[in-house]
Amino acid sequence: MQQDLVLLERSGRIATIRLNNPPVNAASVALIEALHRVLDEVEADATIRCVVLTSAGEKAFCAGADLREEERLRDPEASAAFRALGRRTLQRIESGRKPIVAAIHGYCIGGGTAIGWACDIRIAADNTVFRAGDAYLGIIPSWGMGLHRLPRLLGRSRALDILVLGEDFGAQRAYELGLVSKVVPRAALMEEAFRAASRIAGASPNAMLAIRQAVNFNLRHGWDEMAEYEEELSRSVFAHPDAAEGMAAMLAKRTPDFRDL
């Protein structure tokens, strides 16, 4: 029986999704498709308010595309389909209904960086090694992170430093660049990821979704469009029962009882 390439665990309002493709959790077509199926399951469960995305083993969070599929991906149609699947995956991570906290450790390379950096909060263990050296394999980043998002997130010069030099860099440098939210000892990684996820799970799911939608919209549109979208979201959020509940709870000095999505 084939192993489950993506594992799902639930603990209260938090779901843990674990990539499980040893030895380096390579991003095969089957793994990415399994990730989408698990995300379907998570999004269908209204009681889950936050996701922790991590991986099995100690060697790598995800070391990029599965080179065992290299021959198949030489076919132009299969290669284009895989790129489209990768882009859909990043879009889903960013725009899904549940916030995602990435718990990254070990090697995080190529497509692995795309998956990790697309998450809402990114906690990195101090043993994490990032690399986006596609050019040294004769290819280019093609999932919408390196060429599309990275220059917007970091600016031209820093994006080129990462992509043109293609060198390994550690968690602390990633933190300095803003690619990760926090660096912690490897032994504390999951504890810190759950702390962040628990914090997020206590917020209004409706307000949290609106904030994430607004930030993603802002990266893709101009100033005037964003101003209109902010007002559109504000009308919806301020009319939602969570807005009244949050204010009432603050005045009563109690924990708010926000509605599930």
C-alpha atoms as a PDB file:
ATOM      1  CA  MET A   1       0.000   0.000   0.000  1.00  0.00           C
ATOM      2  CA  GLN A   2       1.380   3.387  -0.995  1.00  0.00           C
ATOM      3  CA  GLN A   3       2.104   5.730   1.908  1.00  0.00           C
ATOM      4  CA  ASP A   4       0.053   8.853   2.395  1.00  0.00           C
ATOM      5  CA  LEU A   5       2.076  11.634   0.808  1.00  0.00           C
ATOM      6  CA  VAL A   6       0.354  14.290   2.925  1.00  0.00           C
ATOM      7  CA  LEU A   7      -0.736  13.656   6.504  1.00  0.00           C
ATOM      8  CA  LEU A   8      -3.502  15.492   8.373  1.00  0.00           C
ATOM      9  CA  GLU A   9      -3.916  15.831  12.131  1.00  0.00           C
ATOM     10  CA  ARG A  10      -6.472  17.859  14.074  1.00  0.00           C
ATOM     11  CA  SER A  11      -6.098  19.401  17.505  1.00  0.00           C
ATOM     12  CA  GLY A  12      -9.023  21.576  18.491  1.00  0.00           C
ATOM     13  CA  ARG A  13      -9.217  24.511  16.082  1.00  0.00           C
ATOM     14  CA  ILE A  14      -5.816  23.794  14.538  1.00  0.00           C
ATOM     15  CA  ALA A  15      -5.030  21.362  11.727  1.00  0.00           C
ATOM     16  CA  THR A  16      -1.498  20.154  11.023  1.00  0.00           C
ATOM     17  CA  ILE A  17      -0.681  19.264   7.431  1.00  0.00           C
ATOM     18  CA  ARG A  18       2.559  17.325   7.031  1.00  0.00           C
ATOM     19  CA  LEU A  19       4.339  16.699   3.719  1.00  0.00           C
ATOM     20  CA  ASN A  20       5.428  13.057   3.767  1.00  0.00           C
ATOM     21  CA  ASN A  21       7.579  12.156   0.768  1.00  0.00           C
ATOM     22  CA  PRO A  22      10.944  10.978   2.114  1.00  0.00           C
ATOM     23  CA  PRO A  23      13.777  11.456   2.068  1.00  0.00           C
ATOM     24  CA  VAL A  24      13.436  15.163   1.209  1.00  0.00           C
ATOM     25  CA  ASN A  25       9.654  15.649   0.821  1.00  0.00           C
ATOM     26  CA  ALA A  26      10.092  16.359  -2.873  1.00  0.00           C
ATOM     27  CA  ALA A  27       7.191  18.108  -4.572  1.00  0.00           C
ATOM     28  CA  SER A  28       5.986  15.366  -6.893  1.00  0.00           C
ATOM     29  CA  VAL A  29       2.773  15.726  -8.854  1.00  0.00           C
ATOM     30  CA  ALA A  30       1.187  13.161  -6.552  1.00  0.00           C
ATOM     31  CA  LEU A  31       2.252  15.069  -3.423  1.00  0.00           C
ATOM     32  CA  ILE A  32       0.906  18.392  -4.678  1.00  0.00           C
ATOM     33  CA  GLU A  33      -2.372  16.791  -5.705  1.00  0.00           C
ATOM     34  CA  ALA A  34      -2.592  15.147  -2.269  1.00  0.00           C
ATOM     35  CA  LEU A  35      -1.964  18.531  -0.651  1.00  0.00           C
ATOM     36  CA  HIS A  36      -4.928  19.973  -2.529  1.00  0.00           C
ATOM     37  CA  ARG A  37      -7.148  17.107  -1.391  1.00  0.00           C
ATOM     38  CA  VAL A  38      -6.149  17.651   2.230  1.00  0.00           C
ATOM     39  CA  LEU A  39      -6.756  21.387   1.888  1.00  0.00           C
ATOM     40  CA  ASP A  40     -10.219  20.541   0.531  1.00  0.00           C
ATOM     41  CA  GLU A  41     -10.859  18.534   3.686  1.00  0.00           C
ATOM     42  CA  VAL A  42      -9.574  21.272   5.964  1.00  0.00           C
ATOM     43  CA  GLU A  43     -11.585  24.012   4.283  1.00  0.00           C
ATOM     44  CA  ALA A  44     -14.756  21.916   4.549  1.00  0.00           C
ATOM     45  CA  ASP A  45     -14.355  21.770   8.344  1.00  0.00           C
ATOM     46  CA  ALA A  46     -15.740  25.022   9.734  1.00  0.00           C
ATOM     47  CA  THR A  47     -14.306  24.303  13.187  1.00  0.00           C
ATOM     48  CA  ILE A  48     -10.705  24.547  11.938  1.00  0.00           C
ATOM     49  CA  ARG A  49      -9.466  28.114  12.138  1.00  0.00           C
ATOM     50  CA  CYS A  50      -5.765  27.793  11.346  1.00  0.00           C
ATOM     51  CA  VAL A  51      -3.377  25.363   9.662  1.00  0.00           C
ATOM     52  CA  VAL A  52       0.224  24.487  10.473  1.00  0.00           C
ATOM     53  CA  LEU A  53       2.056  23.289   7.360  1.00  0.00           C
ATOM     54  CA  THR A  54       5.233  21.302   8.013  1.00  0.00           C
ATOM     55  CA  SER A  55       6.956  18.134   6.842  1.00  0.00           C
ATOM     56  CA  ALA A  56       8.062  14.727   8.049  1.00  0.00           C
ATOM     57  CA  GLY A  57      11.635  13.814   8.898  1.00  0.00           C
ATOM     58  CA  GLU A  58      14.618  15.979   9.683  1.00  0.00           C
ATOM     59  CA  LYS A  59      16.414  16.460   6.368  1.00  0.00           C
ATOM     60  CA  ALA A  60      14.147  18.860   4.504  1.00  0.00           C
ATOM     61  CA  PHE A  61      10.922  20.824   4.570  1.00  0.00           C
ATOM     62  CA  CYS A  62      10.757  20.385   0.796  1.00  0.00           C
ATOM     63  CA  ALA A  63      13.728  20.149  -1.554  1.00  0.00           C
ATOM     64  CA  GLY A  64      11.816  21.197  -4.658  1.00  0.00           C
ATOM     65  CA  ALA A  65      10.469  19.191  -7.561  1.00  0.00           C
ATOM     66  CA  ASP A  66      10.872  15.430  -7.499  1.00  0.00           C
ATOM     67  CA  LEU A  67      13.792  14.655  -9.822  1.00  0.00           C
ATOM     68  CA  ARG A  68      12.482  11.116 -10.135  1.00  0.00           C
ATOM     69  CA  GLU A  69       9.827  12.646 -12.407  1.00  0.00           C
ATOM     70  CA  GLU A  70      12.362  14.507 -14.549  1.00  0.00           C
ATOM     71  CA  GLU A  71      11.940  12.313 -17.620  1.00  0.00           C
ATOM     72  CA  ARG A  72       8.166  12.613 -17.560  1.00  0.00           C
ATOM     73  CA  LEU A  73       8.359  16.375 -17.157  1.00  0.00           C
ATOM     74  CA  ARG A  74      10.491  16.689 -20.295  1.00  0.00           C
ATOM     75  CA  ASP A  75       7.233  16.308 -22.192  1.00  0.00           C
ATOM     76  CA  PRO A  76       6.084  19.898 -22.956  1.00  0.00           C
ATOM     77  CA  GLU A  77       2.445  19.259 -22.060  1.00  0.00           C
ATOM     78  CA  ALA A  78       3.282  17.493 -18.807  1.00  0.00           C
ATOM     79  CA  SER A  79       5.776  20.218 -17.914  1.00  0.00           C
ATOM     80  CA  ALA A  80       3.226  22.979 -18.557  1.00  0.00           C
ATOM     81  CA  ALA A  81       0.629  21.124 -16.490  1.00  0.00           C
ATOM     82  CA  PHE A  82       3.063  20.820 -13.591  1.00  0.00           C
ATOM     83  CA  ARG A  83       3.840  24.538 -13.705  1.00  0.00           C
ATOM     84  CA  ALA A  84       0.122  25.328 -13.723  1.00  0.00           C
ATOM     85  CA  LEU A  85      -0.385  23.009 -10.752  1.00  0.00           C
ATOM     86  CA  GLY A  86       2.383  24.794  -8.862  1.00  0.00           C
ATOM     87  CA  ARG A  87       0.871  28.210  -9.552  1.00  0.00           C
ATOM     88  CA  ARG A  88      -2.572  27.022  -8.432  1.00  0.00           C
ATOM     89  CA  THR A  89      -0.999  25.719  -5.252  1.00  0.00           C
ATOM     90  CA  LEU A  90       0.561  29.061  -4.315  1.00  0.00           C
ATOM     91  CA  GLN A  91      -2.647  30.865  -5.156  1.00  0.00           C
ATOM     92  CA  ARG A  92      -4.585  28.475  -2.967  1.00  0.00           C
ATOM     93  CA  ILE A  93      -2.195  28.821  -0.029  1.00  0.00           C
ATOM     94  CA  GLU A  94      -2.498  32.608  -0.224  1.00  0.00           C
ATOM     95  CA  SER A  95      -6.235  32.868  -0.839  1.00  0.00           C
ATOM     96  CA  GLY A  96      -7.669  29.847   0.985  1.00  0.00           C
ATOM     97  CA  ARG A  97     -10.169  30.374   3.789  1.00  0.00           C
ATOM     98  CA  LYS A  98      -7.796  29.173   6.505  1.00  0.00           C
ATOM     99  CA  PRO A  99      -4.617  31.051   7.505  1.00  0.00           C
ATOM    100  CA  ILE A 100      -1.504  28.882   7.191  1.00  0.00           C
ATOM    101  CA  VAL A 101       1.542  28.924   9.451  1.00  0.00           C
ATOM    102  CA  ALA A 102       4.573  27.285   7.840  1.00  0.00           C
ATOM    103  CA  ALA A 103       6.941  25.410  10.170  1.00  0.00           C
ATOM    104  CA  ILE A 104      10.092  25.128   8.044  1.00  0.00           C
ATOM    105  CA  HIS A 105      13.232  23.151   8.816  1.00  0.00           C
ATOM    106  CA  GLY A 106      16.196  21.626   7.015  1.00  0.00           C
ATOM    107  CA  TYR A 107      16.539  22.157   3.288  1.00  0.00           C
ATOM    108  CA  CYS A 108      13.928  24.365   1.634  1.00  0.00           C
ATOM    109  CA  ILE A 109      14.799  24.527  -2.044  1.00  0.00           C
ATOM    110  CA  GLY A 110      13.154  25.580  -5.315  1.00  0.00           C
ATOM    111  CA  GLY A 111       9.468  24.724  -5.194  1.00  0.00           C
ATOM    112  CA  GLY A 112       9.831  24.223  -1.456  1.00  0.00           C
ATOM    113  CA  THR A 113      10.661  27.911  -1.034  1.00  0.00           C
ATOM    114  CA  ALA A 114       7.596  28.765  -3.111  1.00  0.00           C
ATOM    115  CA  ILE A 115       5.326  26.723  -0.844  1.00  0.00           C
ATOM    116  CA  GLY A 116       6.894  27.968   2.380  1.00  0.00           C
ATOM    117  CA  TRP A 117       7.135  31.650   1.480  1.00  0.00           C
ATOM    118  CA  ALA A 118       3.533  31.733   0.243  1.00  0.00           C
ATOM    119  CA  CYS A 119       2.213  30.909   3.718  1.00  0.00           C
ATOM    120  CA  ASP A 120       0.759  33.670   5.899  1.00  0.00           C
ATOM    121  CA  ILE A 121       3.197  33.224   8.802  1.00  0.00           C
ATOM    122  CA  ARG A 122       6.560  31.534   8.296  1.00  0.00           C
ATOM    123  CA  ILE A 123       8.441  30.120  11.286  1.00  0.00           C
ATOM    124  CA  ALA A 124      11.901  28.764  10.450  1.00  0.00           C
ATOM    125  CA  ALA A 125      14.085  26.480  12.518  1.00  0.00           C
ATOM    126  CA  ASP A 126      17.662  27.642  12.950  1.00  0.00           C
ATOM    127  CA  ASN A 127      18.863  24.718  10.807  1.00  0.00           C
ATOM    128  CA  THR A 128      16.887  25.824   7.749  1.00  0.00           C
ATOM    129  CA  VAL A 129      18.800  26.245   4.490  1.00  0.00           C
ATOM    130  CA  PHE A 130      17.085  28.084   1.636  1.00  0.00           C
ATOM    131  CA  ARG A 131      18.120  27.972  -2.019  1.00  0.00           C
ATOM    132  CA  ALA A 132      16.546  29.248  -5.240  1.00  0.00           C
ATOM    133  CA  GLY A 133      19.239  28.167  -7.694  1.00  0.00           C
ATOM    134  CA  ASP A 134      17.098  27.069 -10.624  1.00  0.00           C
ATOM    135  CA  ALA A 135      19.462  28.666 -13.161  1.00  0.00           C
ATOM    136  CA  TYR A 136      22.182  26.259 -12.046  1.00  0.00           C
ATOM    137  CA  LEU A 137      19.924  23.397 -13.128  1.00  0.00           C
ATOM    138  CA  GLY A 138      19.317  25.050 -16.493  1.00  0.00           C
ATOM    139  CA  ILE A 139      15.773  26.115 -15.636  1.00  0.00           C
ATOM    140  CA  ILE A 140      13.940  29.075 -14.098  1.00  0.00           C
ATOM    141  CA  PRO A 141      11.472  29.418 -11.208  1.00  0.00           C
ATOM    142  CA  SER A 142       8.066  28.746 -12.731  1.00  0.00           C
ATOM    143  CA  TRP A 143       5.469  28.562  -9.959  1.00  0.00           C
ATOM    144  CA  GLY A 144       4.959  32.298  -9.595  1.00  0.00           C
ATOM    145  CA  MET A 145       7.244  32.867  -6.614  1.00  0.00           C
ATOM    146  CA  GLY A 146      10.809  33.613  -7.777  1.00  0.00           C
ATOM    147  CA  LEU A 147      10.005  35.630 -10.893  1.00  0.00           C
ATOM    148  CA  HIS A 148       6.588  36.966  -9.935  1.00  0.00           C
ATOM    149  CA  ARG A 149       6.197  37.460  -6.194  1.00  0.00           C
ATOM    150  CA  LEU A 150       9.798  37.745  -5.003  1.00  0.00           C
ATOM    151  CA  PRO A 151      10.633  41.037  -6.797  1.00  0.00           C
ATOM    152  CA  ARG A 152       7.437  42.539  -5.382  1.00  0.00           C
ATOM    153  CA  LEU A 153       8.193  41.306  -1.886  1.00  0.00           C
ATOM    154  CA  LEU A 154      11.918  42.104  -1.760  1.00  0.00           C
ATOM    155  CA  GLY A 155      12.626  44.508  -4.615  1.00  0.00           C
ATOM    156  CA  ARG A 156      14.726  43.999  -7.747  1.00  0.00           C
ATOM    157  CA  SER A 157      18.185  43.863  -6.173  1.00  0.00           C
ATOM    158  CA  ARG A 158      17.466  41.383  -3.407  1.00  0.00           C
ATOM    159  CA  ALA A 159      15.438  39.148  -5.708  1.00  0.00           C
ATOM    160  CA  LEU A 160      18.356  39.044  -8.137  1.00  0.00           C
ATOM    161  CA  ASP A 161      20.788  38.306  -5.313  1.00  0.00           C
ATOM    162  CA  ILE A 162      18.777  35.189  -4.475  1.00  0.00           C
ATOM    163  CA  LEU A 163      18.013  34.044  -8.017  1.00  0.00           C
ATOM    164  CA  VAL A 164      21.196  34.941  -9.910  1.00  0.00           C
ATOM    165  CA  LEU A 165      23.713  33.846  -7.300  1.00  0.00           C
ATOM    166  CA  GLY A 166      21.551  30.871  -6.377  1.00  0.00           C
ATOM    167  CA  GLU A 167      23.479  30.338  -3.164  1.00  0.00           C
ATOM    168  CA  ASP A 168      22.390  28.715   0.077  1.00  0.00           C
ATOM    169  CA  PHE A 169      21.337  31.104   2.816  1.00  0.00           C
ATOM    170  CA  GLY A 170      20.170  30.443   6.332  1.00  0.00           C
ATOM    171  CA  ALA A 171      17.150  31.206   8.448  1.00  0.00           C
ATOM    172  CA  GLN A 172      18.643  34.364   9.958  1.00  0.00           C
ATOM    173  CA  ARG A 173      19.291  35.879   6.528  1.00  0.00           C
ATOM    174  CA  ALA A 174      15.767  34.928   5.465  1.00  0.00           C
ATOM    175  CA  TYR A 175      14.479  36.730   8.555  1.00  0.00           C
ATOM    176  CA  GLU A 176      16.507  39.832   7.720  1.00  0.00           C
ATOM    177  CA  LEU A 177      14.976  39.808   4.223  1.00  0.00           C
ATOM    178  CA  GLY A 178      11.456  39.399   5.616  1.00  0.00           C
ATOM    179  CA  LEU A 179      10.966  35.979   4.058  1.00  0.00           C
ATOM    180  CA  VAL A 180      10.350  34.361   7.436  1.00  0.00           C
ATOM    181  CA  SER A 181       8.510  35.753  10.439  1.00  0.00           C
ATOM    182  CA  LYS A 182      10.675  34.244  13.173  1.00  0.00           C
ATOM    183  CA  VAL A 183      13.682  31.974  13.701  1.00  0.00           C
ATOM    184  CA  VAL A 184      13.646  29.475  16.553  1.00  0.00           C
ATOM    185  CA  PRO A 185      15.754  26.488  17.666  1.00  0.00           C
ATOM    186  CA  ARG A 186      14.837  23.314  15.800  1.00  0.00           C
ATOM    187  CA  ALA A 187      13.535  21.694  18.976  1.00  0.00           C
ATOM    188  CA  ALA A 188      11.107  24.590  19.525  1.00  0.00           C
ATOM    189  CA  LEU A 189       9.785  24.818  15.959  1.00  0.00           C
ATOM    190  CA  MET A 190       6.438  23.060  16.350  1.00  0.00           C
ATOM    191  CA  GLU A 191       5.755  24.652  19.724  1.00  0.00           C
ATOM    192  CA  GLU A 192       6.268  28.109  18.235  1.00  0.00           C
ATOM    193  CA  ALA A 193       4.179  27.275  15.163  1.00  0.00           C
ATOM    194  CA  PHE A 194       1.329  26.097  17.392  1.00  0.00           C
ATOM    195  CA  ARG A 195       1.645  29.212  19.525  1.00  0.00           C
ATOM    196  CA  ALA A 196       1.188  31.368  16.436  1.00  0.00           C
ATOM    197  CA  ALA A 197      -1.650  29.177  15.148  1.00  0.00           C
ATOM    198  CA  SER A 198      -3.420  29.313  18.531  1.00  0.00           C
ATOM    199  CA  ARG A 199      -3.152  33.096  18.515  1.00  0.00           C
ATOM    200  CA  ILE A 200      -4.669  33.271  15.035  1.00  0.00           C
ATOM    201  CA  ALA A 201      -7.414  30.788  15.950  1.00  0.00           C
ATOM    202  CA  GLY A 202      -8.589  33.188  18.648  1.00  0.00           C
ATOM    203  CA  ALA A 203      -9.308  35.997  16.187  1.00  0.00           C
ATOM    204  CA  SER A 204     -12.457  36.478  14.148  1.00  0.00           C
ATOM    205  CA  PRO A 205     -12.252  34.079  11.189  1.00  0.00           C
ATOM    206  CA  ASN A 206     -14.318  36.518   9.158  1.00  0.00           C
ATOM    207  CA  ALA A 207     -12.010  39.463   9.888  1.00  0.00           C
ATOM    208  CA  MET A 208      -8.907  37.323   9.391  1.00  0.00           C
ATOM    209  CA  LEU A 209     -10.081  36.202   5.956  1.00  0.00           C
ATOM    210  CA  ALA A 210     -10.845  39.796   4.953  1.00  0.00           C
ATOM    211  CA  ILE A 211      -7.381  40.972   6.007  1.00  0.00           C
ATOM    212  CA  ARG A 212      -5.671  38.223   4.035  1.00  0.00           C
ATOM    213  CA  GLN A 213      -7.853  38.935   1.002  1.00  0.00           C
ATOM    214  CA  ALA A 214      -6.978  42.623   1.196  1.00  0.00           C
ATOM    215  CA  VAL A 215      -3.220  42.042   1.419  1.00  0.00           C
ATOM    216  CA  ASN A 216      -3.288  39.635  -1.532  1.00  0.00           C
ATOM    217  CA  PHE A 217      -5.445  42.051  -3.562  1.00  0.00           C
ATOM    218  CA  ASN A 218      -3.019  44.874  -2.757  1.00  0.00           C
ATOM    219  CA  LEU A 219      -0.100  42.973  -4.331  1.00  0.00           C
ATOM    220  CA  ARG A 220      -2.011  42.624  -7.574  1.00  0.00           C
ATOM    221  CA  HIS A 221      -3.796  45.993  -7.991  1.00  0.00           C
ATOM    222  CA  GLY A 222      -3.239  49.740  -7.872  1.00  0.00           C
ATOM    223  CA  TRP A 223      -3.877  52.346  -5.172  1.00  0.00           C
ATOM    224  CA  ASP A 224      -7.374  53.426  -6.228  1.00  0.00           C
ATOM    225  CA  GLU A 225      -8.577  49.861  -6.751  1.00  0.00           C
ATOM    226  CA  MET A 226      -7.266  48.941  -3.319  1.00  0.00           C
ATOM    227  CA  ALA A 227      -9.030  51.878  -1.682  1.00  0.00           C
ATOM    228  CA  GLU A 228     -12.329  50.752  -3.187  1.00  0.00           C
ATOM    229  CA  TYR A 229     -11.731  47.151  -2.161  1.00  0.00           C
ATOM    230  CA  GLU A 230     -10.865  48.181   1.399  1.00  0.00           C
ATOM    231  CA  GLU A 231     -14.190  49.983   1.705  1.00  0.00           C
ATOM    232  CA  GLU A 232     -16.036  47.011   0.201  1.00  0.00           C
ATOM    233  CA  LEU A 233     -14.472  44.685   2.770  1.00  0.00           C
ATOM    234  CA  SER A 234     -15.042  47.156   5.589  1.00  0.00           C
ATOM    235  CA  ARG A 235     -18.783  47.372   4.893  1.00  0.00           C
ATOM    236  CA  SER A 236     -19.021  43.595   5.026  1.00  0.00           C
ATOM    237  CA  VAL A 237     -16.841  43.078   8.108  1.00  0.00           C
ATOM    238  CA  PHE A 238     -18.352  45.870  10.211  1.00  0.00           C
ATOM    239  CA  ALA A 239     -21.839  44.492   9.482  1.00  0.00           C
ATOM    240  CA  HIS A 240     -20.852  40.970  10.523  1.00  0.00           C
ATOM    241  CA  PRO A 241     -21.896  39.755  14.013  1.00  0.00           C
ATOM    242  CA  ASP A 242     -18.236  39.264  14.944  1.00  0.00           C
ATOM    243  CA  ALA A 243     -17.709  43.043  14.970  1.00  0.00           C
ATOM    244  CA  ALA A 244     -20.367  43.586  17.626  1.00  0.00           C
ATOM    245  CA  GLU A 245     -19.214  40.513  19.567  1.00  0.00           C
ATOM    246  CA  GLY A 246     -15.597  41.658  19.617  1.00  0.00           C
ATOM    247  CA  MET A 247     -16.495  45.108  20.965  1.00  0.00           C
ATOM    248  CA  ALA A 248     -18.876  43.671  23.567  1.00  0.00           C
ATOM    249  CA  ALA A 249     -16.312  41.136  24.738  1.00  0.00           C
ATOM    250  CA  MET A 250     -13.658  43.816  25.125  1.00  0.00           C
ATOM    251  CA  LEU A 251     -15.965  45.990  27.235  1.00  0.00           C
ATOM    252  CA  ALA A 252     -17.020  43.006  29.341  1.00  0.00           C
ATOM    253  CA  LYS A 253     -13.398  41.850  29.666  1.00  0.00           C
ATOM    254  CA  ARG A 254     -14.216  38.358  28.425  1.00  0.00           C
ATOM    255  CA  THR A 255     -13.040  36.132  25.594  1.00  0.00           C
ATOM    256  CA  PRO A 256     -15.056  36.822  22.417  1.00  0.00           C
ATOM    257  CA  ASP A 257     -17.163  34.042  20.934  1.00  0.00           C
ATOM    258  CA  PHE A 258     -16.540  34.535  17.234  1.00  0.00           C
ATOM    259  CA  ARG A 259     -18.456  32.619  14.593  1.00  0.00           C
ATOM    260  CA  ASP A 260     -16.861  29.920  12.465  1.00  0.00           C
ATOM    261  CA  LEU A 261     -16.762  30.580   8.748  1.00  0.00           C
END
